Amino acid sequence: MPEVVEEAKPEQAAETAAQHAAQHAEQQPAPGIAVTPKAVQKIRQTFAKMGVQGGLRLGVLGGGCSGLSYQFKFEPAPRARDNVYDFDGVNIYIDPKSLLYLHGMTLDYKESLMQSGFVFENPNAKKSCGCGTSFSA
């Protein structure tokens, strides 16, 4: 005897789809990084000055005086597995492995009488060197 399959009513289908979408949205990770408006402005200015198209790659490499160093370079396009973030029209590319070390980080740009430059405020850094470009996790 053939099995009888009950069809879902349109209202039920819409409700089920909405529940599925809500569950899926909850599973999506938060961006994990923040870029301050001042840093976005400086990145945009640097792109324009250098005539660069694409985005800014943030990453972590082995090396530096504390064990790991930050990678910071311009790239024309993201790689296949990159996480791509848009901050007010500025694209940031981060590979999955680097995101483990950068999750929760804030990229800022600071200016003072002594120096100016990008600053990585990284909660994953257990120890940082004096220059601020390397850390240990």
C-alpha atoms as a PDB file:
ATOM      1  CA  MET A   1       0.000   0.000   0.000  1.00  0.00           C
ATOM      2  CA  PRO A   2       1.512   3.401  -0.952  1.00  0.00           C
ATOM      3  CA  GLU A   3       2.518   5.762   1.809  1.00  0.00           C
ATOM      4  CA  VAL A   4       0.385   8.869   2.159  1.00  0.00           C
ATOM      5  CA  VAL A   5       2.360  12.071   2.546  1.00  0.00           C
ATOM      6  CA  GLU A   6       0.499  15.050   3.918  1.00  0.00           C
ATOM      7  CA  GLU A   7       1.264  18.300   2.160  1.00  0.00           C
ATOM      8  CA  ALA A   8       2.161  21.334   4.259  1.00  0.00           C
ATOM      9  CA  LYS A   9      -0.194  24.264   4.065  1.00  0.00           C
ATOM     10  CA  PRO A  10       1.336  27.532   2.763  1.00  0.00           C
ATOM     11  CA  GLU A  11       1.116  29.138   6.227  1.00  0.00           C
ATOM     12  CA  GLN A  12       2.964  26.186   7.806  1.00  0.00           C
ATOM     13  CA  ALA A  13       5.616  26.193   5.081  1.00  0.00           C
ATOM     14  CA  ALA A  14       6.264  29.917   5.558  1.00  0.00           C
ATOM     15  CA  GLU A  15       6.458  29.494   9.349  1.00  0.00           C
ATOM     16  CA  THR A  16       8.854  26.528   9.026  1.00  0.00           C
ATOM     17  CA  ALA A  17      11.043  28.472   6.586  1.00  0.00           C
ATOM     18  CA  ALA A  18      11.121  31.459   8.959  1.00  0.00           C
ATOM     19  CA  GLN A  19      12.092  29.205  11.901  1.00  0.00           C
ATOM     20  CA  HIS A  20      14.838  27.577   9.823  1.00  0.00           C
ATOM     21  CA  ALA A  21      16.169  30.991   8.768  1.00  0.00           C
ATOM     22  CA  ALA A  22      16.175  32.205  12.386  1.00  0.00           C
ATOM     23  CA  GLN A  23      18.057  29.099  13.553  1.00  0.00           C
ATOM     24  CA  HIS A  24      20.554  29.441  10.696  1.00  0.00           C
ATOM     25  CA  ALA A  25      21.106  33.136  11.465  1.00  0.00           C
ATOM     26  CA  GLU A  26      21.858  32.287  15.100  1.00  0.00           C
ATOM     27  CA  GLN A  27      24.528  29.817  13.957  1.00  0.00           C
ATOM     28  CA  GLN A  28      26.320  32.406  11.831  1.00  0.00           C
ATOM     29  CA  PRO A  29      29.383  33.772  13.630  1.00  0.00           C
ATOM     30  CA  ALA A  30      29.625  37.477  14.362  1.00  0.00           C
ATOM     31  CA  PRO A  31      32.177  39.278  12.196  1.00  0.00           C
ATOM     32  CA  GLY A  32      34.720  38.810  14.957  1.00  0.00           C
ATOM     33  CA  ILE A  33      36.744  41.903  14.189  1.00  0.00           C
ATOM     34  CA  ALA A  34      36.179  45.633  14.343  1.00  0.00           C
ATOM     35  CA  VAL A  35      37.783  48.455  12.379  1.00  0.00           C
ATOM     36  CA  THR A  36      37.389  51.951  13.771  1.00  0.00           C
ATOM     37  CA  PRO A  37      36.114  54.766  11.550  1.00  0.00           C
ATOM     38  CA  LYS A  38      39.530  56.458  11.807  1.00  0.00           C
ATOM     39  CA  ALA A  39      41.269  53.295  10.566  1.00  0.00           C
ATOM     40  CA  VAL A  40      38.732  52.914   7.721  1.00  0.00           C
ATOM     41  CA  GLN A  41      39.385  56.519   6.676  1.00  0.00           C
ATOM     42  CA  LYS A  42      43.159  56.004   6.704  1.00  0.00           C
ATOM     43  CA  ILE A  43      42.906  52.749   4.713  1.00  0.00           C
ATOM     44  CA  ARG A  44      40.684  54.489   2.147  1.00  0.00           C
ATOM     45  CA  GLN A  45      43.151  57.417   1.886  1.00  0.00           C
ATOM     46  CA  THR A  46      46.075  55.029   1.434  1.00  0.00           C
ATOM     47  CA  PHE A  47      44.225  53.068  -1.269  1.00  0.00           C
ATOM     48  CA  ALA A  48      43.526  56.316  -3.152  1.00  0.00           C
ATOM     49  CA  LYS A  49      47.084  57.609  -2.745  1.00  0.00           C
ATOM     50  CA  MET A  50      48.618  54.349  -3.985  1.00  0.00           C
ATOM     51  CA  GLY A  51      45.984  53.758  -6.681  1.00  0.00           C
ATOM     52  CA  VAL A  52      45.162  50.363  -5.177  1.00  0.00           C
ATOM     53  CA  GLN A  53      41.946  48.435  -5.884  1.00  0.00           C
ATOM     54  CA  GLY A  54      40.727  45.514  -3.811  1.00  0.00           C
ATOM     55  CA  GLY A  55      41.040  45.104  -0.077  1.00  0.00           C
ATOM     56  CA  LEU A  56      43.296  44.938   2.924  1.00  0.00           C
ATOM     57  CA  ARG A  57      44.597  41.555   4.035  1.00  0.00           C
ATOM     58  CA  LEU A  58      44.930  41.091   7.774  1.00  0.00           C
ATOM     59  CA  GLY A  59      46.645  37.944   8.885  1.00  0.00           C
ATOM     60  CA  VAL A  60      48.969  36.282  11.326  1.00  0.00           C
ATOM     61  CA  LEU A  61      52.333  34.779  10.427  1.00  0.00           C
ATOM     62  CA  GLY A  62      54.877  32.869  12.480  1.00  0.00           C
ATOM     63  CA  GLY A  63      57.841  35.030  13.460  1.00  0.00           C
ATOM     64  CA  GLY A  64      58.537  38.348  15.082  1.00  0.00           C
ATOM     65  CA  CYS A  65      60.104  38.919  18.466  1.00  0.00           C
ATOM     66  CA  SER A  66      57.087  37.494  20.354  1.00  0.00           C
ATOM     67  CA  GLY A  67      56.402  34.457  18.158  1.00  0.00           C
ATOM     68  CA  LEU A  68      53.622  35.682  15.855  1.00  0.00           C
ATOM     69  CA  SER A  69      53.475  38.784  13.702  1.00  0.00           C
ATOM     70  CA  TYR A  70      50.635  40.650  12.049  1.00  0.00           C
ATOM     71  CA  GLN A  71      50.329  40.617   8.273  1.00  0.00           C
ATOM     72  CA  PHE A  72      48.984  43.833   6.790  1.00  0.00           C
ATOM     73  CA  LYS A  73      48.983  44.226   3.008  1.00  0.00           C
ATOM     74  CA  PHE A  74      46.869  45.317   0.071  1.00  0.00           C
ATOM     75  CA  GLU A  75      45.493  42.644  -2.279  1.00  0.00           C
ATOM     76  CA  PRO A  76      43.433  42.983  -5.467  1.00  0.00           C
ATOM     77  CA  ALA A  77      40.965  40.208  -4.525  1.00  0.00           C
ATOM     78  CA  PRO A  78      40.188  37.766  -1.711  1.00  0.00           C
ATOM     79  CA  ARG A  79      41.362  34.165  -1.790  1.00  0.00           C
ATOM     80  CA  ALA A  80      38.820  31.353  -2.103  1.00  0.00           C
ATOM     81  CA  ARG A  81      38.566  30.587   1.650  1.00  0.00           C
ATOM     82  CA  ASP A  82      38.913  34.149   2.970  1.00  0.00           C
ATOM     83  CA  ASN A  83      36.409  35.759   5.275  1.00  0.00           C
ATOM     84  CA  VAL A  84      35.552  39.081   3.647  1.00  0.00           C
ATOM     85  CA  TYR A  85      34.301  41.964   5.766  1.00  0.00           C
ATOM     86  CA  ASP A  86      33.038  45.316   4.545  1.00  0.00           C
ATOM     87  CA  PHE A  87      33.593  48.339   6.758  1.00  0.00           C
ATOM     88  CA  ASP A  88      31.966  51.352   5.141  1.00  0.00           C
ATOM     89  CA  GLY A  89      33.145  50.315   1.670  1.00  0.00           C
ATOM     90  CA  VAL A  90      36.607  49.071   2.740  1.00  0.00           C
ATOM     91  CA  ASN A  91      37.059  45.319   2.270  1.00  0.00           C
ATOM     92  CA  ILE A  92      39.090  43.364   4.819  1.00  0.00           C
ATOM     93  CA  TYR A  93      40.282  39.846   3.905  1.00  0.00           C
ATOM     94  CA  ILE A  94      41.174  37.335   6.644  1.00  0.00           C
ATOM     95  CA  ASP A  95      42.066  33.693   6.091  1.00  0.00           C
ATOM     96  CA  PRO A  96      40.374  31.152   8.424  1.00  0.00           C
ATOM     97  CA  LYS A  97      43.568  30.245  10.303  1.00  0.00           C
ATOM     98  CA  SER A  98      44.411  33.890  11.051  1.00  0.00           C
ATOM     99  CA  LEU A  99      40.852  34.548  12.197  1.00  0.00           C
ATOM    100  CA  LEU A 100      41.478  32.180  15.124  1.00  0.00           C
ATOM    101  CA  TYR A 101      44.110  34.642  16.418  1.00  0.00           C
ATOM    102  CA  LEU A 102      42.315  37.816  15.326  1.00  0.00           C
ATOM    103  CA  HIS A 103      38.779  37.086  16.538  1.00  0.00           C
ATOM    104  CA  GLY A 104      37.690  39.947  18.806  1.00  0.00           C
ATOM    105  CA  MET A 105      40.455  42.270  17.554  1.00  0.00           C
ATOM    106  CA  THR A 106      39.972  45.965  16.855  1.00  0.00           C
ATOM    107  CA  LEU A 107      42.085  47.694  14.208  1.00  0.00           C
ATOM    108  CA  ASP A 108      42.527  51.377  15.004  1.00  0.00           C
ATOM    109  CA  TYR A 109      44.637  54.242  13.680  1.00  0.00           C
ATOM    110  CA  LYS A 110      46.274  56.512  16.243  1.00  0.00           C
ATOM    111  CA  GLU A 111      48.263  59.688  15.876  1.00  0.00           C
ATOM    112  CA  SER A 112      50.449  61.322  18.502  1.00  0.00           C
ATOM    113  CA  LEU A 113      53.419  63.661  18.634  1.00  0.00           C
ATOM    114  CA  MET A 114      55.787  60.692  18.787  1.00  0.00           C
ATOM    115  CA  GLN A 115      54.272  58.364  16.204  1.00  0.00           C
ATOM    116  CA  SER A 116      51.269  57.495  14.101  1.00  0.00           C
ATOM    117  CA  GLY A 117      50.086  54.230  12.675  1.00  0.00           C
ATOM    118  CA  PHE A 118      47.700  51.318  12.823  1.00  0.00           C
ATOM    119  CA  VAL A 119      47.212  49.703  16.203  1.00  0.00           C
ATOM    120  CA  PHE A 120      46.040  46.134  16.760  1.00  0.00           C
ATOM    121  CA  GLU A 121      43.994  45.810  19.951  1.00  0.00           C
ATOM    122  CA  ASN A 122      43.905  42.032  20.197  1.00  0.00           C
ATOM    123  CA  PRO A 123      42.340  40.284  23.222  1.00  0.00           C
ATOM    124  CA  ASN A 124      44.019  37.016  22.144  1.00  0.00           C
ATOM    125  CA  ALA A 125      47.518  38.446  22.599  1.00  0.00           C
ATOM    126  CA  LYS A 126      48.937  37.213  25.884  1.00  0.00           C
ATOM    127  CA  LYS A 127      52.141  39.161  25.367  1.00  0.00           C
ATOM    128  CA  SER A 128      53.129  41.828  22.838  1.00  0.00           C
ATOM    129  CA  CYS A 129      56.463  43.293  21.870  1.00  0.00           C
ATOM    130  CA  GLY A 130      57.287  46.964  22.296  1.00  0.00           C
ATOM    131  CA  CYS A 131      56.812  47.776  18.618  1.00  0.00           C
ATOM    132  CA  GLY A 132      53.259  46.343  18.618  1.00  0.00           C
ATOM    133  CA  THR A 133      53.699  44.283  15.467  1.00  0.00           C
ATOM    134  CA  SER A 134      54.213  40.870  17.075  1.00  0.00           C
ATOM    135  CA  PHE A 135      52.560  38.947  19.875  1.00  0.00           C
ATOM    136  CA  SER A 136      52.181  35.556  21.493  1.00  0.00           C
ATOM    137  CA  ALA A 137      48.858  33.829  21.999  1.00  0.00           C
END
